[in-house]
Amino acid sequence: MPQASVLFHETYQWTSRQDEAAAAYNIALRAFQRDQGMPERDWTDLAGDRTRSADAMAGRDILRGVLRDLGFALR
């Protein structure tokens, strides 16, 4: 992802800058997917699907606790 699409300067407000960067990345990702023979899907759809709910997180939502329980010191 280009920095412009994820850098929010502590505001966390999606603006036209992020819209443009995400659209450009969607185009690049689709080109990669096409070259690799993969199904073409926009990054924005993929990211939304992965974070839509705890079920969609497929266990990632509890990963921190699991690692802590295994003795990994996390900040």
PDB file of N, CA and C in Angstrom:
ATOM      1  N   MET A   1       0.842  -1.183   0.000  1.00  0.00           N
ATOM      2  CA  MET A   1       0.000   0.000   0.000  1.00  0.00           C
ATOM      3  C   MET A   1       0.882   1.240   0.000  1.00  0.00           C
ATOM      4  N   PRO A   2       0.520   2.229  -0.776  1.00  0.00           N
ATOM      5  CA  PRO A   2       1.259   3.486  -0.718  1.00  0.00           C
ATOM      6  C   PRO A   2       1.037   4.177   0.628  1.00  0.00           C
ATOM      7  N   GLN A   3       2.045   4.884   1.093  1.00  0.00           N
ATOM      8  CA  GLN A   3       1.952   5.540   2.398  1.00  0.00           C
ATOM      9  C   GLN A   3       0.758   6.488   2.461  1.00  0.00           C
ATOM     10  N   ALA A   4       0.438   7.149   1.363  1.00  0.00           N
ATOM     11  CA  ALA A   4      -0.670   8.111   1.369  1.00  0.00           C
ATOM     12  C   ALA A   4      -2.003   7.460   1.724  1.00  0.00           C
ATOM     13  N   SER A   5      -2.128   6.161   1.496  1.00  0.00           N
ATOM     14  CA  SER A   5      -3.401   5.505   1.777  1.00  0.00           C
ATOM     15  C   SER A   5      -3.545   5.078   3.230  1.00  0.00           C
ATOM     16  N   VAL A   6      -2.454   5.028   3.972  1.00  0.00           N
ATOM     17  CA  VAL A   6      -2.527   4.551   5.352  1.00  0.00           C
ATOM     18  C   VAL A   6      -2.021   5.563   6.379  1.00  0.00           C
ATOM     19  N   LEU A   7      -1.467   6.673   5.941  1.00  0.00           N
ATOM     20  CA  LEU A   7      -0.939   7.683   6.854  1.00  0.00           C
ATOM     21  C   LEU A   7      -2.039   8.677   7.192  1.00  0.00           C
ATOM     22  N   PHE A   8      -2.415   8.750   8.459  1.00  0.00           N
ATOM     23  CA  PHE A   8      -3.547   9.568   8.849  1.00  0.00           C
ATOM     24  C   PHE A   8      -3.188  10.760   9.739  1.00  0.00           C
ATOM     25  N   HIS A   9      -1.940  10.926  10.126  1.00  0.00           N
ATOM     26  CA  HIS A   9      -1.523  12.043  10.980  1.00  0.00           C
ATOM     27  C   HIS A   9      -2.436  12.211  12.189  1.00  0.00           C
ATOM     28  N   GLU A  10      -2.758  11.104  12.870  1.00  0.00           N
ATOM     29  CA  GLU A  10      -3.550  11.103  14.097  1.00  0.00           C
ATOM     30  C   GLU A  10      -4.977  11.602  13.904  1.00  0.00           C
ATOM     31  N   THR A  11      -5.480  11.652  12.696  1.00  0.00           N
ATOM     32  CA  THR A  11      -6.855  12.092  12.497  1.00  0.00           C
ATOM     33  C   THR A  11      -7.782  10.914  12.224  1.00  0.00           C
ATOM     34  N   TYR A  12      -7.283   9.886  11.572  1.00  0.00           N
ATOM     35  CA  TYR A  12      -8.061   8.686  11.268  1.00  0.00           C
ATOM     36  C   TYR A  12      -9.360   9.016  10.541  1.00  0.00           C
ATOM     37  N   GLN A  13      -9.277   9.949   9.606  1.00  0.00           N
ATOM     38  CA  GLN A  13     -10.433  10.311   8.808  1.00  0.00           C
ATOM     39  C   GLN A  13     -10.099  10.046   7.341  1.00  0.00           C
ATOM     40  N   TRP A  14     -10.905   9.223   6.685  1.00  0.00           N
ATOM     41  CA  TRP A  14     -10.689   8.865   5.284  1.00  0.00           C
ATOM     42  C   TRP A  14     -11.010  10.085   4.436  1.00  0.00           C
ATOM     43  N   THR A  15     -10.080  10.491   3.587  1.00  0.00           N
ATOM     44  CA  THR A  15     -10.280  11.665   2.739  1.00  0.00           C
ATOM     45  C   THR A  15     -10.106  11.272   1.278  1.00  0.00           C
ATOM     46  N   SER A  16     -10.225  12.256   0.403  1.00  0.00           N
ATOM     47  CA  SER A  16     -10.033  11.985  -1.024  1.00  0.00           C
ATOM     48  C   SER A  16      -8.608  11.489  -1.297  1.00  0.00           C
ATOM     49  N   ARG A  17      -7.673  11.886  -0.464  1.00  0.00           N
ATOM     50  CA  ARG A  17      -6.293  11.409  -0.619  1.00  0.00           C
ATOM     51  C   ARG A  17      -6.224   9.885  -0.461  1.00  0.00           C
ATOM     52  N   GLN A  18      -6.893   9.362   0.550  1.00  0.00           N
ATOM     53  CA  GLN A  18      -6.914   7.920   0.743  1.00  0.00           C
ATOM     54  C   GLN A  18      -7.754   7.236  -0.344  1.00  0.00           C
ATOM     55  N   ASP A  19      -8.849   7.875  -0.763  1.00  0.00           N
ATOM     56  CA  ASP A  19      -9.656   7.322  -1.861  1.00  0.00           C
ATOM     57  C   ASP A  19      -8.797   7.126  -3.109  1.00  0.00           C
ATOM     58  N   GLU A  20      -8.027   8.148  -3.453  1.00  0.00           N
ATOM     59  CA  GLU A  20      -7.184   8.089  -4.652  1.00  0.00           C
ATOM     60  C   GLU A  20      -6.097   7.033  -4.511  1.00  0.00           C
ATOM     61  N   ALA A  21      -5.472   6.966  -3.346  1.00  0.00           N
ATOM     62  CA  ALA A  21      -4.407   5.983  -3.131  1.00  0.00           C
ATOM     63  C   ALA A  21      -4.964   4.560  -3.152  1.00  0.00           C
ATOM     64  N   ALA A  22      -6.123   4.353  -2.541  1.00  0.00           N
ATOM     65  CA  ALA A  22      -6.730   3.026  -2.527  1.00  0.00           C
ATOM     66  C   ALA A  22      -7.157   2.621  -3.940  1.00  0.00           C
ATOM     67  N   ALA A  23      -7.693   3.558  -4.711  1.00  0.00           N
ATOM     68  CA  ALA A  23      -8.091   3.261  -6.089  1.00  0.00           C
ATOM     69  C   ALA A  23      -6.868   2.868  -6.927  1.00  0.00           C
ATOM     70  N   ALA A  24      -5.769   3.581  -6.740  1.00  0.00           N
ATOM     71  CA  ALA A  24      -4.538   3.249  -7.472  1.00  0.00           C
ATOM     72  C   ALA A  24      -4.028   1.874  -7.061  1.00  0.00           C
ATOM     73  N   TYR A  25      -4.104   1.565  -5.778  1.00  0.00           N
ATOM     74  CA  TYR A  25      -3.648   0.254  -5.317  1.00  0.00           C
ATOM     75  C   TYR A  25      -4.561  -0.857  -5.829  1.00  0.00           C
ATOM     76  N   ASN A  26      -5.866  -0.601  -5.876  1.00  0.00           N
ATOM     77  CA  ASN A  26      -6.792  -1.589  -6.432  1.00  0.00           C
ATOM     78  C   ASN A  26      -6.404  -1.942  -7.867  1.00  0.00           C
ATOM     79  N   ILE A  27      -6.043  -0.939  -8.652  1.00  0.00           N
ATOM     80  CA  ILE A  27      -5.634  -1.168 -10.040  1.00  0.00           C
ATOM     81  C   ILE A  27      -4.361  -2.010 -10.083  1.00  0.00           C
ATOM     82  N   ALA A  28      -3.382  -1.656  -9.258  1.00  0.00           N
ATOM     83  CA  ALA A  28      -2.117  -2.406  -9.227  1.00  0.00           C
ATOM     84  C   ALA A  28      -2.337  -3.840  -8.752  1.00  0.00           C
ATOM     85  N   LEU A  29      -3.169  -4.019  -7.743  1.00  0.00           N
ATOM     86  CA  LEU A  29      -3.430  -5.355  -7.218  1.00  0.00           C
ATOM     87  C   LEU A  29      -4.135  -6.217  -8.256  1.00  0.00           C
ATOM     88  N   ARG A  30      -5.110  -5.647  -8.942  1.00  0.00           N
ATOM     89  CA  ARG A  30      -5.813  -6.404  -9.977  1.00  0.00           C
ATOM     90  C   ARG A  30      -4.858  -6.820 -11.100  1.00  0.00           C
ATOM     91  N   ALA A  31      -3.928  -5.952 -11.458  1.00  0.00           N
ATOM     92  CA  ALA A  31      -2.938  -6.305 -12.489  1.00  0.00           C
ATOM     93  C   ALA A  31      -2.084  -7.478 -12.012  1.00  0.00           C
ATOM     94  N   PHE A  32      -1.647  -7.435 -10.757  1.00  0.00           N
ATOM     95  CA  PHE A  32      -0.868  -8.538 -10.186  1.00  0.00           C
ATOM     96  C   PHE A  32      -1.690  -9.828 -10.188  1.00  0.00           C
ATOM     97  N   GLN A  33      -2.934  -9.739  -9.712  1.00  0.00           N
ATOM     98  CA  GLN A  33      -3.787 -10.913  -9.657  1.00  0.00           C
ATOM     99  C   GLN A  33      -3.985 -11.502 -11.054  1.00  0.00           C
ATOM    100  N   ARG A  34      -4.199 -10.645 -12.029  1.00  0.00           N
ATOM    101  CA  ARG A  34      -4.376 -11.105 -13.408  1.00  0.00           C
ATOM    102  C   ARG A  34      -3.125 -11.820 -13.901  1.00  0.00           C
ATOM    103  N   ASP A  35      -1.962 -11.210 -13.661  1.00  0.00           N
ATOM    104  CA  ASP A  35      -0.687 -11.813 -14.080  1.00  0.00           C
ATOM    105  C   ASP A  35      -0.455 -13.171 -13.432  1.00  0.00           C
ATOM    106  N   GLN A  36      -0.926 -13.343 -12.212  1.00  0.00           N
ATOM    107  CA  GLN A  36      -0.730 -14.582 -11.471  1.00  0.00           C
ATOM    108  C   GLN A  36      -1.850 -15.594 -11.686  1.00  0.00           C
ATOM    109  N   GLY A  37      -2.840 -15.228 -12.497  1.00  0.00           N
ATOM    110  CA  GLY A  37      -3.959 -16.126 -12.736  1.00  0.00           C
ATOM    111  C   GLY A  37      -4.894 -16.261 -11.546  1.00  0.00           C
ATOM    112  N   MET A  38      -4.899 -15.257 -10.708  1.00  0.00           N
ATOM    113  CA  MET A  38      -5.737 -15.274  -9.505  1.00  0.00           C
ATOM    114  C   MET A  38      -7.082 -14.591  -9.805  1.00  0.00           C
ATOM    115  N   PRO A  39      -8.105 -14.899  -9.016  1.00  0.00           N
ATOM    116  CA  PRO A  39      -9.364 -14.147  -9.155  1.00  0.00           C
ATOM    117  C   PRO A  39      -9.100 -12.674  -8.827  1.00  0.00           C
ATOM    118  N   GLU A  40      -9.656 -11.783  -9.618  1.00  0.00           N
ATOM    119  CA  GLU A  40      -9.423 -10.349  -9.399  1.00  0.00           C
ATOM    120  C   GLU A  40     -10.433  -9.783  -8.409  1.00  0.00           C
ATOM    121  N   ARG A  41      -9.899  -9.208  -7.322  1.00  0.00           N
ATOM    122  CA  ARG A  41     -10.715  -8.531  -6.315  1.00  0.00           C
ATOM    123  C   ARG A  41      -9.974  -7.311  -5.823  1.00  0.00           C
ATOM    124  N   ASP A  42     -10.697  -6.247  -5.601  1.00  0.00           N
ATOM    125  CA  ASP A  42     -10.096  -5.019  -5.080  1.00  0.00           C
ATOM    126  C   ASP A  42      -9.594  -5.227  -3.655  1.00  0.00           C
ATOM    127  N   TRP A  43      -8.517  -4.535  -3.319  1.00  0.00           N
ATOM    128  CA  TRP A  43      -7.976  -4.579  -1.963  1.00  0.00           C
ATOM    129  C   TRP A  43      -9.016  -4.069  -0.971  1.00  0.00           C
ATOM    130  N   THR A  44      -9.753  -3.036  -1.347  1.00  0.00           N
ATOM    131  CA  THR A  44     -10.741  -2.477  -0.429  1.00  0.00           C
ATOM    132  C   THR A  44     -11.808  -3.507  -0.076  1.00  0.00           C
ATOM    133  N   ASP A  45     -12.200  -4.348  -1.022  1.00  0.00           N
ATOM    134  CA  ASP A  45     -13.166  -5.418  -0.724  1.00  0.00           C
ATOM    135  C   ASP A  45     -12.531  -6.498   0.146  1.00  0.00           C
ATOM    136  N   LEU A  46     -11.304  -6.887  -0.184  1.00  0.00           N
ATOM    137  CA  LEU A  46     -10.613  -7.918   0.597  1.00  0.00           C
ATOM    138  C   LEU A  46     -10.409  -7.471   2.040  1.00  0.00           C
ATOM    139  N   ALA A  47      -9.966  -6.228   2.225  1.00  0.00           N
ATOM    140  CA  ALA A  47      -9.726  -5.708   3.580  1.00  0.00           C
ATOM    141  C   ALA A  47     -11.032  -5.625   4.359  1.00  0.00           C
ATOM    142  N   GLY A  48     -12.088  -5.179   3.709  1.00  0.00           N
ATOM    143  CA  GLY A  48     -13.386  -5.110   4.373  1.00  0.00           C
ATOM    144  C   GLY A  48     -13.879  -6.473   4.804  1.00  0.00           C
ATOM    145  N   ASP A  49     -13.703  -7.463   3.928  1.00  0.00           N
ATOM    146  CA  ASP A  49     -14.125  -8.822   4.263  1.00  0.00           C
ATOM    147  C   ASP A  49     -13.354  -9.377   5.460  1.00  0.00           C
ATOM    148  N   ARG A  50     -12.071  -9.042   5.557  1.00  0.00           N
ATOM    149  CA  ARG A  50     -11.221  -9.596   6.627  1.00  0.00           C
ATOM    150  C   ARG A  50     -11.497  -8.971   7.983  1.00  0.00           C
ATOM    151  N   THR A  51     -12.131  -7.812   8.014  1.00  0.00           N
ATOM    152  CA  THR A  51     -12.339  -7.115   9.289  1.00  0.00           C
ATOM    153  C   THR A  51     -13.807  -6.872   9.605  1.00  0.00           C
ATOM    154  N   ARG A  52     -14.699  -7.442   8.841  1.00  0.00           N
ATOM    155  CA  ARG A  52     -16.136  -7.188   8.983  1.00  0.00           C
ATOM    156  C   ARG A  52     -16.681  -7.608  10.352  1.00  0.00           C
ATOM    157  N   SER A  53     -16.184  -8.718  10.893  1.00  0.00           N
ATOM    158  CA  SER A  53     -16.689  -9.213  12.182  1.00  0.00           C
ATOM    159  C   SER A  53     -15.619 -10.094  12.828  1.00  0.00           C
ATOM    160  N   ALA A  54     -15.874 -10.476  14.076  1.00  0.00           N
ATOM    161  CA  ALA A  54     -14.934 -11.372  14.768  1.00  0.00           C
ATOM    162  C   ALA A  54     -14.832 -12.705  14.032  1.00  0.00           C
ATOM    163  N   ASP A  55     -15.939 -13.191  13.483  1.00  0.00           N
ATOM    164  CA  ASP A  55     -15.902 -14.447  12.719  1.00  0.00           C
ATOM    165  C   ASP A  55     -14.998 -14.312  11.501  1.00  0.00           C
ATOM    166  N   ALA A  56     -15.060 -13.164  10.826  1.00  0.00           N
ATOM    167  CA  ALA A  56     -14.236 -12.940   9.641  1.00  0.00           C
ATOM    168  C   ALA A  56     -12.755 -12.840  10.002  1.00  0.00           C
ATOM    169  N   MET A  57     -12.469 -12.521  11.256  1.00  0.00           N
ATOM    170  CA  MET A  57     -11.077 -12.395  11.690  1.00  0.00           C
ATOM    171  C   MET A  57     -10.388 -13.760  11.769  1.00  0.00           C
ATOM    172  N   ALA A  58     -11.144 -14.827  11.770  1.00  0.00           N
ATOM    173  CA  ALA A  58     -10.605 -16.196  11.751  1.00  0.00           C
ATOM    174  C   ALA A  58      -9.547 -16.427  12.836  1.00  0.00           C
ATOM    175  N   GLY A  59      -9.802 -15.896  14.035  1.00  0.00           N
ATOM    176  CA  GLY A  59      -8.892 -16.106  15.150  1.00  0.00           C
ATOM    177  C   GLY A  59      -7.864 -15.008  15.357  1.00  0.00           C
ATOM    178  N   ARG A  60      -7.713 -14.108  14.372  1.00  0.00           N
ATOM    179  CA  ARG A  60      -6.726 -13.031  14.528  1.00  0.00           C
ATOM    180  C   ARG A  60      -7.083 -12.105  15.684  1.00  0.00           C
ATOM    181  N   ASP A  61      -8.380 -12.046  16.017  1.00  0.00           N
ATOM    182  CA  ASP A  61      -8.822 -11.173  17.098  1.00  0.00           C
ATOM    183  C   ASP A  61      -8.369 -11.661  18.477  1.00  0.00           C
ATOM    184  N   ILE A  62      -7.956 -12.926  18.593  1.00  0.00           N
ATOM    185  CA  ILE A  62      -7.501 -13.459  19.887  1.00  0.00           C
ATOM    186  C   ILE A  62      -6.008 -13.791  19.880  1.00  0.00           C
ATOM    187  N   LEU A  63      -5.337 -13.492  18.782  1.00  0.00           N
ATOM    188  CA  LEU A  63      -3.933 -13.866  18.628  1.00  0.00           C
ATOM    189  C   LEU A  63      -3.044 -13.267  19.715  1.00  0.00           C
ATOM    190  N   ARG A  64      -3.264 -12.018  20.069  1.00  0.00           N
ATOM    191  CA  ARG A  64      -2.445 -11.370  21.089  1.00  0.00           C
ATOM    192  C   ARG A  64      -2.511 -12.139  22.412  1.00  0.00           C
ATOM    193  N   GLY A  65      -3.709 -12.504  22.835  1.00  0.00           N
ATOM    194  CA  GLY A  65      -3.870 -13.251  24.076  1.00  0.00           C
ATOM    195  C   GLY A  65      -3.221 -14.622  24.018  1.00  0.00           C
ATOM    196  N   VAL A  66      -3.330 -15.288  22.890  1.00  0.00           N
ATOM    197  CA  VAL A  66      -2.705 -16.606  22.730  1.00  0.00           C
ATOM    198  C   VAL A  66      -1.196 -16.486  22.844  1.00  0.00           C
ATOM    199  N   LEU A  67      -0.615 -15.508  22.167  1.00  0.00           N
ATOM    200  CA  LEU A  67       0.835 -15.323  22.235  1.00  0.00           C
ATOM    201  C   LEU A  67       1.286 -14.969  23.648  1.00  0.00           C
ATOM    202  N   ARG A  68       0.523 -14.120  24.326  1.00  0.00           N
ATOM    203  CA  ARG A  68       0.847 -13.764  25.718  1.00  0.00           C
ATOM    204  C   ARG A  68       0.812 -15.010  26.598  1.00  0.00           C
ATOM    205  N   ASP A  69      -0.222 -15.841  26.432  1.00  0.00           N
ATOM    206  CA  ASP A  69      -0.354 -17.067  27.224  1.00  0.00           C
ATOM    207  C   ASP A  69       0.788 -18.046  26.960  1.00  0.00           C
ATOM    208  N   LEU A  70       1.372 -17.977  25.765  1.00  0.00           N
ATOM    209  CA  LEU A  70       2.490 -18.845  25.432  1.00  0.00           C
ATOM    210  C   LEU A  70       3.821 -18.287  25.931  1.00  0.00           C
ATOM    211  N   GLY A  71       3.771 -17.119  26.578  1.00  0.00           N
ATOM    212  CA  GLY A  71       4.977 -16.566  27.178  1.00  0.00           C
ATOM    213  C   GLY A  71       5.677 -15.497  26.369  1.00  0.00           C
ATOM    214  N   PHE A  72       5.082 -15.074  25.276  1.00  0.00           N
ATOM    215  CA  PHE A  72       5.681 -13.994  24.481  1.00  0.00           C
ATOM    216  C   PHE A  72       5.318 -12.656  25.090  1.00  0.00           C
ATOM    217  N   ALA A  73       6.308 -11.879  25.420  1.00  0.00           N
ATOM    218  CA  ALA A  73       6.075 -10.546  25.996  1.00  0.00           C
ATOM    219  C   ALA A  73       5.790  -9.576  24.867  1.00  0.00           C
ATOM    220  N   LEU A  74       4.593  -9.036  24.864  1.00  0.00           N
ATOM    221  CA  LEU A  74       4.198  -8.085  23.819  1.00  0.00           C
ATOM    222  C   LEU A  74       4.071  -6.710  24.425  1.00  0.00           C
ATOM    223  N   ARG A  75       4.379  -5.736  23.629  1.00  0.00           N
ATOM    224  CA  ARG A  75       4.269  -4.343  24.112  1.00  0.00           C
ATOM    225  C   ARG A  75       2.861  -3.868  24.072  1.00  0.00           C
TER     226      ARG A  75
END
